[in-house]
Every structure is written in C-alpha cells, then in structure tokens.
Amino acid sequence: MNNTDPTSFQSILAGVKKLREQNGGQERSQQQKQIPTVTNTNKTENIPVRPPEPKRTVINSFNQQRVPQQNSNSDDPNKKRPYVNHGPGKTVLVNTTQKENPLLDNLKNTNWRYVTSKGGTKIYYDYLIKGRSVLFLTLSYHKLYADYLTRRMAPLSKDDNNILIFVVDGPNSEETLTDVTKMCMFNGFTLLVAFNFEQAGKYIEYLNSA
C-alpha cells in the first residue's frame, strides 16, 4: 500500500515543473542571444555607420565672413611692419624770379626753397612740384604783356605734364580765359584758375601733397 502523501507528491511535482520552466526559460534566452541577426537576404551583414558630416558655414556677402589666411607670421607681435611715410611731400623749388609774389606768403603747409639759374643751366619754370613745371601768371600782367605767356611756354612745351596757375585779379576775364585755355591745350599745360593769391597757394600745397 502506497503511503505517499499525495499532497506532498503534488508539491514535489509542482516544484519540479517550476524548476523545468525556469531552466527552460534560461535556455531559450541563451539560444536567442546566439541566433544571428537575419536580414531580408538571409545573411548577417555588419554595415558600418558613417559619422555625421560637420556643419559647413556658408560664406557670402550677407554674413560678411572671410576665410582666414594661413599665415604663421600674421599674429606675431614682434614682426616688423613696413614703414609708410605719411608726411608732407617733397620740397617745392621756387624760381628766384618769384620773390615778390604774394602767393609765397600763403605756402604755410608745405616745404619750399629758392633756386636760381647758374651758368649754362637755365630754369624755365616758376615752381617745380614733384617734377612738374608750373608757371604763374595774373590776368592784369597778361593784358599788359600778351606775348609773355607764349615765350614762357615755348621751352616747356615739349613736355605735356606742365601746369599754369592763372589768377583772375580783374574784370572782363572771359575772353582772356578763352585765349589762355587754347594756349594751354596746344602747349601741353593744365590750366588751374584761381581768383586770389591764397587760392593759388592752396593749389601748390595740394599738388605737393597729392
């Protein structure tokens, strides 16, 4: 006669079943880990993942950005920079025949000095500014000596880089200015018309500083 307690036997069976279920669950979990990934082509492929491309900055005329120059010496504080001279221009050469000219009293912002003809060296300009020959004439003097300007222009006419500063110091200048303009055109002179000696001096200062 079997004296096994059915209650106890059922308890054992239940325990065994529970153990089997636990072991079976662990085995299925391990099997799932070992199963390779299956794609549509039934092959396992390790596709490399490309890193995201860096964001590119668009350079245009709106954001006003510029590509930096690759110059290793650009930021060197000890590097010597080229010297740029922003001082006044060269000295203006003034013919000694201009000593009584009131224009000279207005040359306050430029350097100038007298020169004179010596021996066989004849000076034909009244002022020499950076290699450019400049003649000076007033309306009143031109009316008294109409041929004076023609004689003064003749030795300089071979060069077309000359200047005539003409001071209008009297009335009825229209016809005279027309004649003087034609003479300048045919003899290679640029005509600068001033209406006082101060303005004439400003012309010389500007030409020497330009």
N, C-alpha and C. Protein backbone atom coordinates (compact mmCIF):
# COMPACT_ATOMS: atom_id res chain seq x y z
N MET A 1 0.84 -1.19 0.00
CA MET A 1 0.00 0.00 0.00
C MET A 1 0.88 1.24 0.00
N ASN A 2 0.57 2.09 -0.89
CA ASN A 2 1.37 3.31 -1.04
C ASN A 2 0.96 4.32 0.00
N ASN A 3 1.96 4.61 0.86
CA ASN A 3 1.67 5.57 1.93
C ASN A 3 2.15 6.97 1.59
N THR A 4 2.46 7.20 0.26
CA THR A 4 2.95 8.52 -0.13
C THR A 4 1.86 9.54 0.02
N ASP A 5 2.23 10.59 0.62
CA ASP A 5 1.26 11.67 0.81
C ASP A 5 1.04 12.35 -0.53
N PRO A 6 -0.18 12.23 -1.08
CA PRO A 6 -0.40 12.84 -2.39
C PRO A 6 -0.20 14.35 -2.36
N THR A 7 -0.51 14.88 -1.26
CA THR A 7 -0.32 16.33 -1.16
C THR A 7 1.14 16.67 -1.28
N SER A 8 1.98 15.84 -0.61
CA SER A 8 3.41 16.06 -0.69
C SER A 8 3.93 15.76 -2.08
N PHE A 9 3.42 14.71 -2.74
CA PHE A 9 3.85 14.35 -4.09
C PHE A 9 3.48 15.46 -5.09
N GLN A 10 2.31 15.93 -4.95
CA GLN A 10 1.89 17.02 -5.83
C GLN A 10 2.77 18.26 -5.64
N SER A 11 3.14 18.45 -4.39
CA SER A 11 4.02 19.57 -4.12
C SER A 11 5.37 19.39 -4.79
N ILE A 12 5.89 18.11 -4.79
CA ILE A 12 7.17 17.84 -5.44
C ILE A 12 7.05 18.04 -6.94
N LEU A 13 5.94 17.51 -7.52
CA LEU A 13 5.74 17.65 -8.96
C LEU A 13 5.65 19.13 -9.35
N ALA A 14 4.97 19.85 -8.52
CA ALA A 14 4.85 21.28 -8.82
C ALA A 14 6.21 21.97 -8.75
N GLY A 15 7.04 21.53 -7.78
CA GLY A 15 8.37 22.12 -7.68
C GLY A 15 9.24 21.76 -8.86
N VAL A 16 9.14 20.47 -9.30
CA VAL A 16 9.92 20.04 -10.47
C VAL A 16 9.49 20.79 -11.73
N LYS A 17 8.21 20.93 -11.88
CA LYS A 17 7.68 21.65 -13.05
C LYS A 17 8.18 23.09 -13.05
N LYS A 18 8.18 23.66 -11.86
CA LYS A 18 8.61 25.05 -11.76
C LYS A 18 10.08 25.19 -12.12
N LEU A 19 10.91 24.21 -11.66
CA LEU A 19 12.32 24.22 -11.98
C LEU A 19 12.56 24.06 -13.46
N ARG A 20 11.78 23.14 -14.07
CA ARG A 20 11.91 22.93 -15.52
C ARG A 20 11.56 24.20 -16.30
N GLU A 21 10.48 24.84 -15.84
CA GLU A 21 10.09 26.06 -16.54
C GLU A 21 11.17 27.14 -16.41
N GLN A 22 11.79 27.24 -15.23
CA GLN A 22 12.85 28.23 -15.05
C GLN A 22 14.07 27.90 -15.90
N ASN A 23 14.46 26.59 -15.91
CA ASN A 23 15.61 26.18 -16.71
C ASN A 23 15.34 26.35 -18.20
N GLY A 24 14.11 26.00 -18.58
CA GLY A 24 13.76 26.15 -19.99
C GLY A 24 13.77 27.61 -20.43
N GLY A 25 13.34 28.49 -19.56
CA GLY A 25 13.34 29.92 -19.90
C GLY A 25 14.76 30.44 -20.06
N GLN A 26 15.70 29.99 -19.21
CA GLN A 26 17.08 30.43 -19.33
C GLN A 26 17.71 29.91 -20.60
N GLU A 27 17.42 28.63 -20.96
CA GLU A 27 17.98 28.08 -22.20
C GLU A 27 17.47 28.83 -23.42
N ARG A 28 16.18 29.17 -23.43
CA ARG A 28 15.64 29.90 -24.57
C ARG A 28 16.27 31.29 -24.68
N SER A 29 16.54 31.88 -23.53
CA SER A 29 17.18 33.20 -23.56
C SER A 29 18.57 33.11 -24.13
N GLN A 30 19.34 32.05 -23.75
CA GLN A 30 20.69 31.90 -24.28
C GLN A 30 20.66 31.58 -25.77
N GLN A 31 19.69 30.77 -26.20
CA GLN A 31 19.57 30.46 -27.62
C GLN A 31 19.24 31.69 -28.45
N GLN A 32 18.39 32.55 -27.90
CA GLN A 32 18.05 33.79 -28.62
C GLN A 32 19.25 34.70 -28.77
N LYS A 33 20.14 34.68 -27.74
CA LYS A 33 21.34 35.50 -27.83
C LYS A 33 22.28 34.98 -28.89
N GLN A 34 22.31 33.69 -29.10
CA GLN A 34 23.23 33.10 -30.06
C GLN A 34 22.71 33.13 -31.49
N ILE A 35 21.43 33.38 -31.66
CA ILE A 35 20.86 33.40 -33.01
C ILE A 35 21.32 34.66 -33.73
N PRO A 36 21.99 34.59 -34.91
CA PRO A 36 22.44 35.78 -35.63
C PRO A 36 21.27 36.58 -36.18
N THR A 37 21.55 37.84 -36.40
CA THR A 37 20.52 38.72 -36.96
C THR A 37 20.27 38.34 -38.41
N VAL A 38 19.05 38.16 -38.76
CA VAL A 38 18.68 37.72 -40.10
C VAL A 38 18.09 38.90 -40.84
N THR A 39 18.65 39.18 -41.99
CA THR A 39 18.13 40.25 -42.85
C THR A 39 17.25 39.64 -43.92
N ASN A 40 16.77 40.50 -44.82
CA ASN A 40 15.91 40.02 -45.89
C ASN A 40 16.66 39.11 -46.85
N THR A 41 17.99 39.23 -46.89
CA THR A 41 18.78 38.39 -47.79
C THR A 41 19.30 37.14 -47.10
N ASN A 42 18.78 36.90 -45.82
CA ASN A 42 19.18 35.72 -45.05
C ASN A 42 20.68 35.71 -44.78
N LYS A 43 21.32 36.85 -44.74
CA LYS A 43 22.73 36.96 -44.43
C LYS A 43 22.92 38.01 -43.34
N THR A 44 23.90 37.74 -42.52
CA THR A 44 24.23 38.70 -41.47
C THR A 44 25.28 39.66 -42.00
N GLU A 45 24.99 40.96 -42.00
CA GLU A 45 25.90 41.97 -42.50
C GLU A 45 26.16 43.00 -41.41
N ASN A 46 27.41 43.34 -41.26
CA ASN A 46 27.81 44.41 -40.35
C ASN A 46 28.02 45.68 -41.17
N ILE A 47 26.99 46.51 -41.25
CA ILE A 47 27.05 47.73 -42.05
C ILE A 47 27.66 48.83 -41.21
N PRO A 48 28.82 49.41 -41.65
CA PRO A 48 29.43 50.50 -40.86
C PRO A 48 28.55 51.74 -40.84
N VAL A 49 28.51 52.35 -39.69
CA VAL A 49 27.70 53.55 -39.52
C VAL A 49 28.58 54.77 -39.77
N ARG A 50 28.24 55.62 -40.78
CA ARG A 50 29.01 56.81 -41.11
C ARG A 50 28.76 57.91 -40.09
N PRO A 51 29.81 58.54 -39.60
CA PRO A 51 29.60 59.64 -38.64
C PRO A 51 28.94 60.82 -39.34
N PRO A 52 28.17 61.59 -38.62
CA PRO A 52 27.51 62.75 -39.25
C PRO A 52 28.54 63.76 -39.74
N GLU A 53 28.28 64.33 -40.94
CA GLU A 53 29.19 65.33 -41.50
C GLU A 53 29.15 66.61 -40.68
N PRO A 54 30.31 67.25 -40.52
CA PRO A 54 30.31 68.52 -39.77
C PRO A 54 29.53 69.59 -40.49
N LYS A 55 28.94 70.46 -39.73
CA LYS A 55 28.14 71.54 -40.29
C LYS A 55 29.03 72.55 -40.98
N ARG A 56 28.73 72.82 -42.23
CA ARG A 56 29.51 73.77 -43.01
C ARG A 56 28.89 75.16 -42.95
N THR A 57 29.75 76.13 -42.73
CA THR A 57 29.29 77.52 -42.68
C THR A 57 29.30 78.13 -44.07
N VAL A 58 28.20 78.66 -44.50
CA VAL A 58 28.10 79.28 -45.81
C VAL A 58 28.65 80.70 -45.73
N ILE A 59 29.62 80.98 -46.60
CA ILE A 59 30.25 82.30 -46.63
C ILE A 59 29.69 83.07 -47.81
N ASN A 60 29.09 84.21 -47.54
CA ASN A 60 28.53 85.02 -48.62
C ASN A 60 28.65 86.49 -48.28
N SER A 61 28.10 87.29 -49.13
CA SER A 61 28.22 88.74 -48.94
C SER A 61 27.28 89.26 -47.87
N PHE A 62 26.42 88.39 -47.33
CA PHE A 62 25.48 88.86 -46.33
C PHE A 62 26.03 88.72 -44.92
N ASN A 63 26.68 87.58 -44.64
CA ASN A 63 27.24 87.44 -43.30
C ASN A 63 28.63 88.02 -43.19
N GLN A 64 29.20 88.45 -44.34
CA GLN A 64 30.48 89.16 -44.34
C GLN A 64 31.60 88.36 -43.69
N GLN A 65 31.56 87.01 -43.82
CA GLN A 65 32.63 86.20 -43.28
C GLN A 65 33.71 86.02 -44.33
N ARG A 66 34.91 85.82 -43.88
CA ARG A 66 36.05 85.65 -44.77
C ARG A 66 36.86 84.44 -44.33
N VAL A 67 37.46 83.77 -45.30
CA VAL A 67 38.32 82.64 -44.99
C VAL A 67 39.63 83.18 -44.45
N PRO A 68 40.03 82.77 -43.24
CA PRO A 68 41.28 83.31 -42.68
C PRO A 68 42.48 82.87 -43.48
N GLN A 69 43.43 83.77 -43.65
CA GLN A 69 44.65 83.46 -44.37
C GLN A 69 45.58 82.68 -43.47
N GLN A 70 46.16 81.64 -44.02
CA GLN A 70 47.06 80.80 -43.27
C GLN A 70 48.46 81.38 -43.32
N ASN A 71 48.68 82.32 -42.43
CA ASN A 71 49.98 82.98 -42.36
C ASN A 71 50.46 82.89 -40.93
N SER A 72 51.52 82.15 -40.74
CA SER A 72 52.01 81.90 -39.39
C SER A 72 52.57 83.15 -38.75
N ASN A 73 52.94 84.14 -39.55
CA ASN A 73 53.55 85.35 -39.01
C ASN A 73 52.58 86.51 -38.87
N SER A 74 51.29 86.28 -39.23
CA SER A 74 50.34 87.39 -39.24
C SER A 74 50.05 87.88 -37.83
N ASP A 75 50.07 86.97 -36.84
CA ASP A 75 49.74 87.35 -35.48
C ASP A 75 50.98 87.52 -34.61
N ASP A 76 52.12 87.57 -35.20
CA ASP A 76 53.35 87.71 -34.44
C ASP A 76 53.53 89.17 -34.04
N PRO A 77 53.44 89.49 -32.74
CA PRO A 77 53.55 90.91 -32.34
C PRO A 77 54.94 91.46 -32.53
N ASN A 78 55.95 90.57 -32.63
CA ASN A 78 57.33 91.02 -32.76
C ASN A 78 57.75 91.22 -34.21
N LYS A 79 56.86 90.88 -35.14
CA LYS A 79 57.21 91.02 -36.55
C LYS A 79 57.24 92.49 -36.94
N LYS A 80 58.26 92.90 -37.65
CA LYS A 80 58.39 94.29 -38.10
C LYS A 80 57.47 94.55 -39.27
N ARG A 81 56.74 95.62 -39.20
CA ARG A 81 55.83 96.01 -40.28
C ARG A 81 56.52 97.03 -41.17
N PRO A 82 56.15 97.05 -42.47
CA PRO A 82 56.77 98.03 -43.38
C PRO A 82 56.43 99.45 -42.97
N TYR A 83 57.39 100.32 -43.08
CA TYR A 83 57.20 101.72 -42.70
C TYR A 83 56.54 102.48 -43.84
N VAL A 84 55.49 103.19 -43.52
CA VAL A 84 54.78 104.01 -44.50
C VAL A 84 54.90 105.46 -44.08
N ASN A 85 55.41 106.28 -44.99
CA ASN A 85 55.62 107.69 -44.69
C ASN A 85 54.39 108.48 -45.10
N HIS A 86 53.70 109.05 -44.13
CA HIS A 86 52.52 109.87 -44.40
C HIS A 86 52.83 111.36 -44.23
N GLY A 87 54.08 111.72 -44.24
CA GLY A 87 54.48 113.10 -44.04
C GLY A 87 54.24 113.95 -45.27
N PRO A 88 54.65 115.21 -45.21
CA PRO A 88 54.44 116.12 -46.36
C PRO A 88 55.26 115.70 -47.55
N GLY A 89 54.89 116.27 -48.71
CA GLY A 89 55.58 115.91 -49.95
C GLY A 89 56.97 116.50 -50.01
N LYS A 90 57.62 116.36 -51.15
CA LYS A 90 58.96 116.89 -51.32
C LYS A 90 58.94 118.42 -51.33
N THR A 91 60.11 118.98 -51.21
CA THR A 91 60.24 120.43 -51.18
C THR A 91 59.92 121.02 -52.55
N VAL A 92 59.12 122.08 -52.55
CA VAL A 92 58.80 122.79 -53.78
C VAL A 92 59.96 123.72 -54.12
N LEU A 93 60.43 123.64 -55.35
CA LEU A 93 61.50 124.53 -55.81
C LEU A 93 60.88 125.78 -56.42
N VAL A 94 61.33 126.96 -55.93
CA VAL A 94 60.75 128.24 -56.35
C VAL A 94 61.84 129.05 -57.05
N ASN A 95 61.55 129.44 -58.27
CA ASN A 95 62.48 130.29 -59.01
C ASN A 95 62.62 131.64 -58.29
N THR A 96 63.86 132.14 -58.22
CA THR A 96 64.09 133.42 -57.52
C THR A 96 63.34 134.58 -58.16
N THR A 97 62.86 134.43 -59.38
CA THR A 97 62.07 135.48 -60.02
C THR A 97 60.71 135.66 -59.34
N GLN A 98 60.33 134.73 -58.45
CA GLN A 98 59.04 134.78 -57.77
C GLN A 98 59.14 135.39 -56.37
N LYS A 99 60.25 136.00 -56.03
CA LYS A 99 60.45 136.50 -54.67
C LYS A 99 59.42 137.53 -54.24
N GLU A 100 58.90 138.31 -55.13
CA GLU A 100 57.92 139.34 -54.76
C GLU A 100 56.48 138.86 -54.92
N ASN A 101 56.30 137.60 -55.20
CA ASN A 101 54.95 137.08 -55.43
C ASN A 101 54.23 136.88 -54.09
N PRO A 102 53.06 137.52 -53.88
CA PRO A 102 52.29 137.34 -52.63
C PRO A 102 51.85 135.90 -52.39
N LEU A 103 51.88 135.08 -53.43
CA LEU A 103 51.50 133.68 -53.28
C LEU A 103 52.36 132.99 -52.23
N LEU A 104 53.64 133.35 -52.15
CA LEU A 104 54.55 132.67 -51.23
C LEU A 104 54.14 132.86 -49.77
N ASP A 105 53.45 133.95 -49.47
CA ASP A 105 53.00 134.18 -48.09
C ASP A 105 51.93 133.18 -47.67
N ASN A 106 51.34 132.48 -48.64
CA ASN A 106 50.27 131.52 -48.34
C ASN A 106 50.75 130.07 -48.36
N LEU A 107 52.03 129.85 -48.58
CA LEU A 107 52.58 128.49 -48.53
C LEU A 107 52.99 128.17 -47.10
N LYS A 108 52.02 127.81 -46.28
CA LYS A 108 52.28 127.58 -44.86
C LYS A 108 52.31 126.09 -44.50
N ASN A 109 51.80 125.25 -45.36
CA ASN A 109 51.71 123.83 -45.05
C ASN A 109 52.56 122.95 -45.96
N THR A 110 53.58 123.55 -46.55
CA THR A 110 54.46 122.77 -47.42
C THR A 110 55.87 123.36 -47.36
N ASN A 111 56.84 122.53 -47.66
CA ASN A 111 58.23 122.98 -47.66
C ASN A 111 58.60 123.53 -49.04
N TRP A 112 59.35 124.62 -49.06
CA TRP A 112 59.79 125.19 -50.33
C TRP A 112 61.11 125.95 -50.11
N ARG A 113 61.84 126.12 -51.21
CA ARG A 113 63.10 126.86 -51.16
C ARG A 113 63.37 127.47 -52.53
N TYR A 114 64.20 128.50 -52.55
CA TYR A 114 64.53 129.20 -53.80
C TYR A 114 65.62 128.44 -54.57
N VAL A 115 65.52 128.54 -55.90
CA VAL A 115 66.58 128.07 -56.79
C VAL A 115 66.78 129.14 -57.86
N THR A 116 67.97 129.16 -58.44
CA THR A 116 68.26 130.17 -59.46
C THR A 116 69.07 129.56 -60.59
N SER A 117 68.97 130.18 -61.74
CA SER A 117 69.74 129.72 -62.90
C SER A 117 71.22 130.02 -62.67
N LYS A 118 72.06 129.05 -63.01
CA LYS A 118 73.51 129.20 -62.83
C LYS A 118 74.23 128.76 -64.08
N GLY A 119 75.16 129.59 -64.54
CA GLY A 119 75.97 129.24 -65.69
C GLY A 119 75.11 128.93 -66.90
N GLY A 120 75.32 127.75 -67.46
CA GLY A 120 74.55 127.36 -68.65
C GLY A 120 73.25 126.67 -68.31
N THR A 121 72.93 126.54 -67.00
CA THR A 121 71.67 125.89 -66.60
C THR A 121 70.59 126.94 -66.44
N LYS A 122 69.61 126.89 -67.31
CA LYS A 122 68.52 127.85 -67.31
C LYS A 122 67.27 127.22 -66.69
N ILE A 123 66.67 127.91 -65.73
CA ILE A 123 65.43 127.44 -65.11
C ILE A 123 64.26 128.10 -65.82
N TYR A 124 63.39 127.28 -66.39
CA TYR A 124 62.27 127.81 -67.17
C TYR A 124 60.96 127.80 -66.39
N TYR A 125 60.90 127.13 -65.28
CA TYR A 125 59.66 127.06 -64.51
C TYR A 125 59.66 128.15 -63.44
N ASP A 126 58.46 128.46 -62.92
CA ASP A 126 58.34 129.33 -61.75
C ASP A 126 58.36 128.50 -60.46
N TYR A 127 57.72 127.31 -60.55
CA TYR A 127 57.69 126.38 -59.43
C TYR A 127 57.90 124.97 -59.99
N LEU A 128 58.62 124.16 -59.25
CA LEU A 128 58.79 122.77 -59.63
C LEU A 128 58.21 121.91 -58.50
N ILE A 129 57.15 121.16 -58.82
CA ILE A 129 56.43 120.38 -57.81
C ILE A 129 56.44 118.91 -58.24
N LYS A 130 57.24 118.12 -57.54
CA LYS A 130 57.33 116.69 -57.82
C LYS A 130 57.63 116.43 -59.30
N GLY A 131 58.55 117.20 -59.85
CA GLY A 131 58.97 117.03 -61.24
C GLY A 131 58.08 117.70 -62.26
N ARG A 132 57.03 118.36 -61.84
CA ARG A 132 56.12 119.05 -62.77
C ARG A 132 56.43 120.54 -62.79
N SER A 133 56.62 121.07 -63.98
CA SER A 133 56.91 122.51 -64.13
C SER A 133 55.62 123.30 -64.05
N VAL A 134 55.63 124.35 -63.21
CA VAL A 134 54.45 125.18 -63.00
C VAL A 134 54.81 126.63 -63.33
N LEU A 135 53.99 127.26 -64.16
CA LEU A 135 54.11 128.69 -64.45
C LEU A 135 53.02 129.44 -63.71
N PHE A 136 53.31 130.67 -63.37
CA PHE A 136 52.35 131.51 -62.67
C PHE A 136 52.12 132.79 -63.46
N LEU A 137 50.85 133.20 -63.55
CA LEU A 137 50.52 134.41 -64.31
C LEU A 137 49.22 135.00 -63.77
N THR A 138 49.13 136.33 -63.81
CA THR A 138 47.90 137.03 -63.42
C THR A 138 47.24 137.63 -64.66
N LEU A 139 45.96 137.85 -64.53
CA LEU A 139 45.20 138.44 -65.64
C LEU A 139 45.72 139.84 -65.99
N SER A 140 45.98 140.63 -64.99
CA SER A 140 46.44 142.01 -65.24
C SER A 140 47.79 142.03 -65.96
N TYR A 141 48.70 141.13 -65.58
CA TYR A 141 50.02 141.11 -66.24
C TYR A 141 49.89 140.61 -67.67
N HIS A 142 49.01 139.62 -67.90
CA HIS A 142 48.82 139.07 -69.25
C HIS A 142 48.26 140.14 -70.19
N LYS A 143 47.39 141.03 -69.69
CA LYS A 143 46.84 142.09 -70.54
C LYS A 143 47.92 143.12 -70.89
N LEU A 144 48.88 143.31 -70.02
CA LEU A 144 49.95 144.25 -70.31
C LEU A 144 51.01 143.67 -71.26
N TYR A 145 51.28 142.36 -71.10
CA TYR A 145 52.32 141.70 -71.90
C TYR A 145 51.73 140.41 -72.49
N ALA A 146 51.02 140.55 -73.60
CA ALA A 146 50.30 139.43 -74.19
C ALA A 146 51.22 138.32 -74.69
N ASP A 147 52.47 138.68 -75.07
CA ASP A 147 53.38 137.68 -75.60
C ASP A 147 54.21 136.99 -74.50
N TYR A 148 54.06 137.43 -73.28
CA TYR A 148 54.86 136.87 -72.18
C TYR A 148 54.60 135.38 -72.00
N LEU A 149 53.34 134.99 -71.99
CA LEU A 149 52.99 133.59 -71.75
C LEU A 149 53.50 132.70 -72.88
N THR A 150 53.43 133.17 -74.11
CA THR A 150 53.91 132.38 -75.24
C THR A 150 55.40 132.08 -75.10
N ARG A 151 56.19 133.09 -74.71
CA ARG A 151 57.63 132.92 -74.55
C ARG A 151 57.96 131.97 -73.39
N ARG A 152 57.16 132.04 -72.32
CA ARG A 152 57.43 131.18 -71.17
C ARG A 152 57.06 129.73 -71.44
N MET A 153 56.03 129.51 -72.25
CA MET A 153 55.59 128.15 -72.53
C MET A 153 56.50 127.43 -73.53
N ALA A 154 57.11 128.17 -74.43
CA ALA A 154 57.86 127.57 -75.53
C ALA A 154 58.91 126.55 -75.09
N PRO A 155 59.81 126.83 -74.15
CA PRO A 155 60.83 125.84 -73.79
C PRO A 155 60.29 124.65 -72.99
N LEU A 156 59.05 124.76 -72.49
CA LEU A 156 58.46 123.66 -71.71
C LEU A 156 57.44 122.85 -72.49
N SER A 157 57.11 123.29 -73.69
CA SER A 157 56.02 122.66 -74.46
C SER A 157 56.35 121.26 -74.93
N LYS A 158 57.64 120.87 -74.88
CA LYS A 158 58.00 119.50 -75.28
C LYS A 158 57.48 118.47 -74.28
N ASP A 159 57.14 118.93 -73.09
CA ASP A 159 56.58 118.05 -72.06
C ASP A 159 55.11 118.41 -71.86
N ASP A 160 54.25 117.40 -71.81
CA ASP A 160 52.80 117.67 -71.68
C ASP A 160 52.31 117.52 -70.25
N ASN A 161 53.24 117.59 -69.28
CA ASN A 161 52.86 117.43 -67.88
C ASN A 161 53.03 118.73 -67.10
N ASN A 162 52.84 119.87 -67.78
CA ASN A 162 53.04 121.18 -67.17
C ASN A 162 51.73 121.75 -66.64
N ILE A 163 51.85 122.78 -65.79
CA ILE A 163 50.69 123.42 -65.18
C ILE A 163 50.83 124.93 -65.26
N LEU A 164 49.72 125.60 -65.52
CA LEU A 164 49.67 127.06 -65.46
C LEU A 164 48.66 127.46 -64.39
N ILE A 165 49.13 128.19 -63.37
CA ILE A 165 48.23 128.76 -62.37
C ILE A 165 47.95 130.20 -62.78
N PHE A 166 46.70 130.47 -63.10
CA PHE A 166 46.29 131.77 -63.64
C PHE A 166 45.35 132.44 -62.65
N VAL A 167 45.79 133.58 -62.10
CA VAL A 167 44.99 134.31 -61.11
C VAL A 167 44.18 135.40 -61.81
N VAL A 168 42.87 135.33 -61.68
CA VAL A 168 41.98 136.34 -62.23
C VAL A 168 41.86 137.47 -61.20
N ASP A 169 42.60 138.55 -61.44
CA ASP A 169 42.63 139.68 -60.49
C ASP A 169 42.01 140.94 -61.07
N GLY A 170 41.11 140.76 -62.00
CA GLY A 170 40.46 141.93 -62.59
C GLY A 170 39.20 141.52 -63.33
N PRO A 171 38.41 142.52 -63.81
CA PRO A 171 37.16 142.23 -64.53
C PRO A 171 37.42 141.88 -65.99
N ASN A 172 36.34 141.53 -66.69
CA ASN A 172 36.38 141.24 -68.13
C ASN A 172 37.43 140.16 -68.44
N SER A 173 37.25 139.02 -67.81
CA SER A 173 38.24 137.94 -67.95
C SER A 173 37.80 136.84 -68.90
N GLU A 174 36.54 136.86 -69.37
CA GLU A 174 36.03 135.73 -70.15
C GLU A 174 36.82 135.52 -71.44
N GLU A 175 37.00 136.57 -72.20
CA GLU A 175 37.71 136.44 -73.49
C GLU A 175 39.18 136.05 -73.26
N THR A 176 39.78 136.63 -72.26
CA THR A 176 41.18 136.32 -71.97
C THR A 176 41.33 134.86 -71.53
N LEU A 177 40.40 134.39 -70.71
CA LEU A 177 40.45 132.99 -70.27
C LEU A 177 40.29 132.03 -71.44
N THR A 178 39.48 132.40 -72.40
CA THR A 178 39.32 131.56 -73.59
C THR A 178 40.63 131.44 -74.36
N ASP A 179 41.32 132.54 -74.53
CA ASP A 179 42.61 132.52 -75.23
C ASP A 179 43.66 131.73 -74.45
N VAL A 180 43.70 131.94 -73.14
CA VAL A 180 44.69 131.24 -72.31
C VAL A 180 44.41 129.73 -72.31
N THR A 181 43.14 129.35 -72.30
CA THR A 181 42.79 127.94 -72.34
C THR A 181 43.29 127.28 -73.62
N LYS A 182 43.12 127.95 -74.76
CA LYS A 182 43.61 127.41 -76.03
C LYS A 182 45.13 127.27 -76.02
N MET A 183 45.82 128.26 -75.46
CA MET A 183 47.28 128.19 -75.40
C MET A 183 47.74 127.00 -74.55
N CYS A 184 47.03 126.75 -73.48
CA CYS A 184 47.38 125.60 -72.63
C CYS A 184 47.15 124.28 -73.36
N MET A 185 46.07 124.18 -74.09
CA MET A 185 45.76 122.95 -74.82
C MET A 185 46.82 122.63 -75.86
N PHE A 186 47.31 123.63 -76.56
CA PHE A 186 48.26 123.41 -77.66
C PHE A 186 49.71 123.32 -77.19
N ASN A 187 49.96 123.60 -75.92
CA ASN A 187 51.34 123.57 -75.43
C ASN A 187 51.56 122.58 -74.28
N GLY A 188 50.58 121.74 -74.04
CA GLY A 188 50.73 120.69 -73.04
C GLY A 188 50.66 121.18 -71.60
N PHE A 189 49.79 122.13 -71.32
CA PHE A 189 49.65 122.68 -69.97
C PHE A 189 48.24 122.38 -69.43
N THR A 190 48.19 122.13 -68.15
CA THR A 190 46.91 122.04 -67.44
C THR A 190 46.63 123.39 -66.80
N LEU A 191 45.45 123.96 -67.04
CA LEU A 191 45.11 125.29 -66.55
C LEU A 191 44.38 125.19 -65.22
N LEU A 192 44.92 125.88 -64.20
CA LEU A 192 44.26 126.00 -62.89
C LEU A 192 43.94 127.46 -62.67
N VAL A 193 42.67 127.80 -62.60
CA VAL A 193 42.23 129.18 -62.45
C VAL A 193 41.96 129.47 -60.97
N ALA A 194 42.59 130.53 -60.46
CA ALA A 194 42.36 130.97 -59.09
C ALA A 194 41.86 132.41 -59.12
N PHE A 195 41.16 132.81 -58.06
CA PHE A 195 40.60 134.16 -58.01
C PHE A 195 41.24 135.01 -56.92
N ASN A 196 42.30 134.48 -56.29
CA ASN A 196 43.11 135.26 -55.36
C ASN A 196 44.41 134.49 -55.12
N PHE A 197 45.36 135.14 -54.47
CA PHE A 197 46.66 134.52 -54.25
C PHE A 197 46.60 133.38 -53.22
N GLU A 198 45.66 133.50 -52.31
CA GLU A 198 45.51 132.42 -51.32
C GLU A 198 45.08 131.12 -51.98
N GLN A 199 44.12 131.22 -52.89
CA GLN A 199 43.67 130.04 -53.61
C GLN A 199 44.79 129.46 -54.47
N ALA A 200 45.60 130.33 -55.07
CA ALA A 200 46.74 129.86 -55.86
C ALA A 200 47.73 129.10 -54.99
N GLY A 201 47.96 129.61 -53.77
CA GLY A 201 48.85 128.90 -52.85
C GLY A 201 48.30 127.55 -52.45
N LYS A 202 46.98 127.43 -52.30
CA LYS A 202 46.37 126.15 -51.97
C LYS A 202 46.57 125.13 -53.08
N TYR A 203 46.56 125.61 -54.32
CA TYR A 203 46.83 124.71 -55.44
C TYR A 203 48.22 124.09 -55.31
N ILE A 204 49.21 124.91 -54.99
CA ILE A 204 50.58 124.40 -54.88
C ILE A 204 50.69 123.42 -53.71
N GLU A 205 50.05 123.73 -52.59
CA GLU A 205 50.10 122.82 -51.44
C GLU A 205 49.44 121.49 -51.76
N TYR A 206 48.33 121.54 -52.48
CA TYR A 206 47.64 120.30 -52.84
C TYR A 206 48.49 119.47 -53.80
N LEU A 207 49.05 120.12 -54.81
CA LEU A 207 49.87 119.38 -55.78
C LEU A 207 51.08 118.73 -55.11
N ASN A 208 51.62 119.37 -54.10
CA ASN A 208 52.80 118.84 -53.42
C ASN A 208 52.46 117.73 -52.44
N SER A 209 51.21 117.66 -52.00
CA SER A 209 50.81 116.62 -51.04
C SER A 209 50.07 115.47 -51.69
N ALA A 210 49.66 115.62 -52.94
CA ALA A 210 48.86 114.59 -53.60
C ALA A 210 49.72 113.37 -53.92
